[in-house]
Amino acid sequence: MPAAPTDIDAVRRWSRGRPLVTHALEGAAGGYDELGMVAHTVLRYHAHLLTDFERKAIVAFDARWRIALASDPEVMHHQLRIAGVFDTPGLGAVMSKGYEAFCRDIAARVLLEQATALVLNRCPRCDRIVRTPRARQCLWCFHDWH
C-alpha cells in the first residue's frame, strides 16, 4: 500500500480522478477506489472529524436533492431558505464543484490533518478498506477473518 500523500494536489493525483465510492460494490466499473472508500468511511462513521462548514455543506446538498424531488419545489426551496440552509458564506463555490468533488476534498483534508484520528479497517489479505469499521469479511477479495 503506498503511503498517504502529503498535500491536496497529491491526494487528487493519488485518487486518479475516479468517481467517489459511496457503497463498497460501486465505483468505476466496480473497481476499488481508495480515496472514495476513505470518503465513505469518514462521512458514514467518522462524522465527528468534519468541520462545521462541511456539515453545513452536506445539509445544503441534501436540501438541494430534496428540492429536486419535492412535489412543489418552490415551496420546499422557500422553506429551506427561511431555515437558513443556504446562508453559509462560500457554500455556492462548494456546491458548484459537486458532491463527489466535495467528498474527495473532505477525505483529502482528513488524511492530511487528522490521519491519526481516522480508523480504517483494512483486509489483512489485500489491504483494501472494508465496508464497515467492524466488518470481518472483505467484499473485494472475499477473505473472511471471523
Protein backbone atom coordinates (compact mmCIF):
# COMPACT_ATOMS: atom_id res chain seq x y z
CA MET A 1 0.00 0.00 0.00
CA PRO A 2 1.54 3.35 -0.97
CA ALA A 3 1.96 5.96 1.72
CA ALA A 4 -0.73 8.61 2.04
CA PRO A 5 0.07 11.81 0.14
CA THR A 6 1.10 14.97 1.97
CA ASP A 7 -0.73 17.74 0.08
CA ILE A 8 -4.16 18.25 -1.50
CA ASP A 9 -2.87 18.14 -5.10
CA ALA A 10 -1.01 14.91 -4.40
CA VAL A 11 -4.19 13.43 -2.91
CA ARG A 12 -6.11 14.36 -6.05
CA ARG A 13 -3.43 12.73 -8.24
CA TRP A 14 -3.40 9.72 -5.88
CA SER A 15 -7.16 9.24 -6.36
CA ARG A 16 -6.67 9.32 -10.16
CA GLY A 17 -9.95 11.21 -10.63
CA ARG A 18 -12.10 8.12 -10.30
CA PRO A 19 -15.71 8.53 -9.12
CA LEU A 20 -16.47 8.60 -5.41
CA VAL A 21 -17.43 5.23 -3.99
CA THR A 22 -20.40 5.61 -1.68
CA HIS A 23 -21.08 1.90 -1.50
CA ALA A 24 -18.44 -0.83 -1.33
CA LEU A 25 -19.67 -2.51 -4.50
CA GLU A 26 -19.99 0.65 -6.63
CA GLY A 27 -17.38 2.73 -8.41
CA ALA A 28 -15.70 2.89 -11.76
CA ALA A 29 -16.77 -0.38 -13.37
CA GLY A 30 -16.92 -2.00 -9.93
CA GLY A 31 -13.28 -1.12 -9.27
CA TYR A 32 -11.73 -0.23 -5.95
CA ASP A 33 -11.21 3.46 -5.19
CA GLU A 34 -9.06 4.13 -2.11
CA LEU A 35 -9.91 7.81 -1.71
CA GLY A 36 -13.57 7.10 -2.35
CA MET A 37 -13.58 4.47 0.39
CA VAL A 38 -11.86 6.90 2.76
CA ALA A 39 -14.57 9.47 1.96
CA HIS A 40 -17.29 6.87 2.54
CA THR A 41 -15.75 5.87 5.87
CA VAL A 42 -15.32 9.46 7.04
CA LEU A 43 -18.87 10.52 6.10
CA ARG A 44 -20.52 7.38 7.45
CA TYR A 45 -18.51 6.51 10.57
CA HIS A 46 -16.30 9.49 11.46
CA ALA A 47 -18.59 12.50 11.07
CA HIS A 48 -17.02 13.96 14.20
CA LEU A 49 -13.96 14.74 12.05
CA LEU A 50 -15.95 17.11 9.81
CA THR A 51 -15.73 20.87 10.23
CA ASP A 52 -18.83 22.97 10.86
CA PHE A 53 -18.68 24.28 7.30
CA GLU A 54 -18.52 20.73 5.90
CA ARG A 55 -21.56 19.74 7.97
CA LYS A 56 -23.49 22.77 6.68
CA ALA A 57 -22.48 21.96 3.12
CA ILE A 58 -23.76 18.38 3.48
CA VAL A 59 -27.08 19.77 4.75
CA ALA A 60 -27.19 22.12 1.74
CA PHE A 61 -26.51 19.25 -0.71
CA ASP A 62 -29.26 17.24 0.98
CA ALA A 63 -31.59 20.25 0.74
CA ARG A 64 -30.84 20.63 -2.96
CA TRP A 65 -31.77 16.96 -3.53
CA ARG A 66 -34.96 17.39 -1.50
CA ILE A 67 -35.92 20.41 -3.60
CA ALA A 68 -35.35 18.43 -6.80
CA LEU A 69 -37.59 15.60 -5.54
CA ALA A 70 -40.30 17.74 -3.94
CA SER A 71 -43.79 17.81 -5.40
CA ASP A 72 -43.69 21.62 -5.15
CA PRO A 73 -40.00 22.63 -5.41
CA GLU A 74 -40.69 26.35 -4.96
CA VAL A 75 -42.40 25.80 -1.60
CA MET A 76 -39.60 23.47 -0.44
CA HIS A 77 -36.91 25.94 -1.54
CA HIS A 78 -38.71 28.77 0.28
CA GLN A 79 -38.97 26.70 3.50
CA LEU A 80 -35.27 25.79 3.36
CA ARG A 81 -34.27 29.40 2.69
CA ILE A 82 -36.29 30.53 5.72
CA ALA A 83 -34.49 27.86 7.79
CA GLY A 84 -31.16 29.41 6.70
CA VAL A 85 -29.80 26.34 4.92
CA PHE A 86 -28.24 28.36 2.09
CA ASP A 87 -26.91 31.32 4.13
CA THR A 88 -23.39 29.97 4.73
CA PRO A 89 -20.65 32.06 3.04
CA GLY A 90 -18.64 30.10 0.48
CA LEU A 91 -21.31 27.45 0.03
CA GLY A 92 -22.01 28.36 -3.60
CA ALA A 93 -18.44 27.60 -4.66
CA VAL A 94 -18.52 24.20 -2.95
CA MET A 95 -21.88 23.27 -4.41
CA SER A 96 -20.81 24.31 -7.91
CA LYS A 97 -17.97 21.75 -7.78
CA GLY A 98 -20.44 18.96 -6.98
CA TYR A 99 -20.93 16.43 -4.21
CA GLU A 100 -18.30 13.92 -5.33
CA ALA A 101 -15.54 16.54 -5.51
CA PHE A 102 -16.64 17.88 -2.13
CA CYS A 103 -16.43 14.40 -0.56
CA ARG A 104 -13.00 13.83 -2.07
CA ASP A 105 -11.83 17.15 -0.61
CA ILE A 106 -13.12 16.09 2.81
CA ALA A 107 -11.27 12.78 2.56
CA ALA A 108 -8.08 14.54 1.48
CA ARG A 109 -8.33 17.04 4.34
CA VAL A 110 -8.92 14.34 6.93
CA LEU A 111 -5.98 12.30 5.59
CA LEU A 112 -3.75 15.37 5.85
CA GLU A 113 -4.91 16.91 9.11
CA GLN A 114 -6.40 14.11 11.20
CA ALA A 115 -4.96 10.86 9.91
CA THR A 116 -4.24 9.60 13.42
CA ALA A 117 -7.90 10.04 14.43
CA LEU A 118 -9.13 8.13 11.38
CA VAL A 119 -9.52 4.40 11.94
CA LEU A 120 -9.61 2.46 8.68
CA ASN A 121 -10.48 -1.23 8.86
CA ARG A 122 -8.40 -2.98 6.22
CA CYS A 123 -8.45 -6.52 4.90
CA PRO A 124 -5.40 -8.44 6.14
CA ARG A 125 -5.05 -10.16 2.76
CA CYS A 126 -5.49 -7.40 0.14
CA ASP A 127 -5.07 -4.30 2.39
CA ARG A 128 -8.19 -2.62 1.00
CA ILE A 129 -10.64 -0.73 3.18
CA VAL A 130 -13.59 -2.95 4.04
CA ARG A 131 -17.24 -1.89 4.22
CA THR A 132 -17.55 -1.00 7.92
CA PRO A 133 -15.19 -0.47 10.86
CA ARG A 134 -16.36 -3.78 12.39
CA ALA A 135 -16.50 -5.87 9.20
CA ARG A 136 -14.65 -9.18 9.19
CA GLN A 137 -15.13 -10.07 5.54
CA CYS A 138 -13.63 -8.31 2.55
CA LEU A 139 -16.03 -7.60 -0.29
CA TRP A 140 -13.08 -7.23 -2.68
CA CYS A 141 -11.08 -10.45 -2.23
CA PHE A 142 -13.75 -12.30 -0.16
CA HIS A 143 -11.29 -13.07 2.63
CA ASP A 144 -13.03 -13.91 5.91
CA TRP A 145 -11.24 -13.42 9.25
CA HIS A 146 -14.00 -14.20 11.77
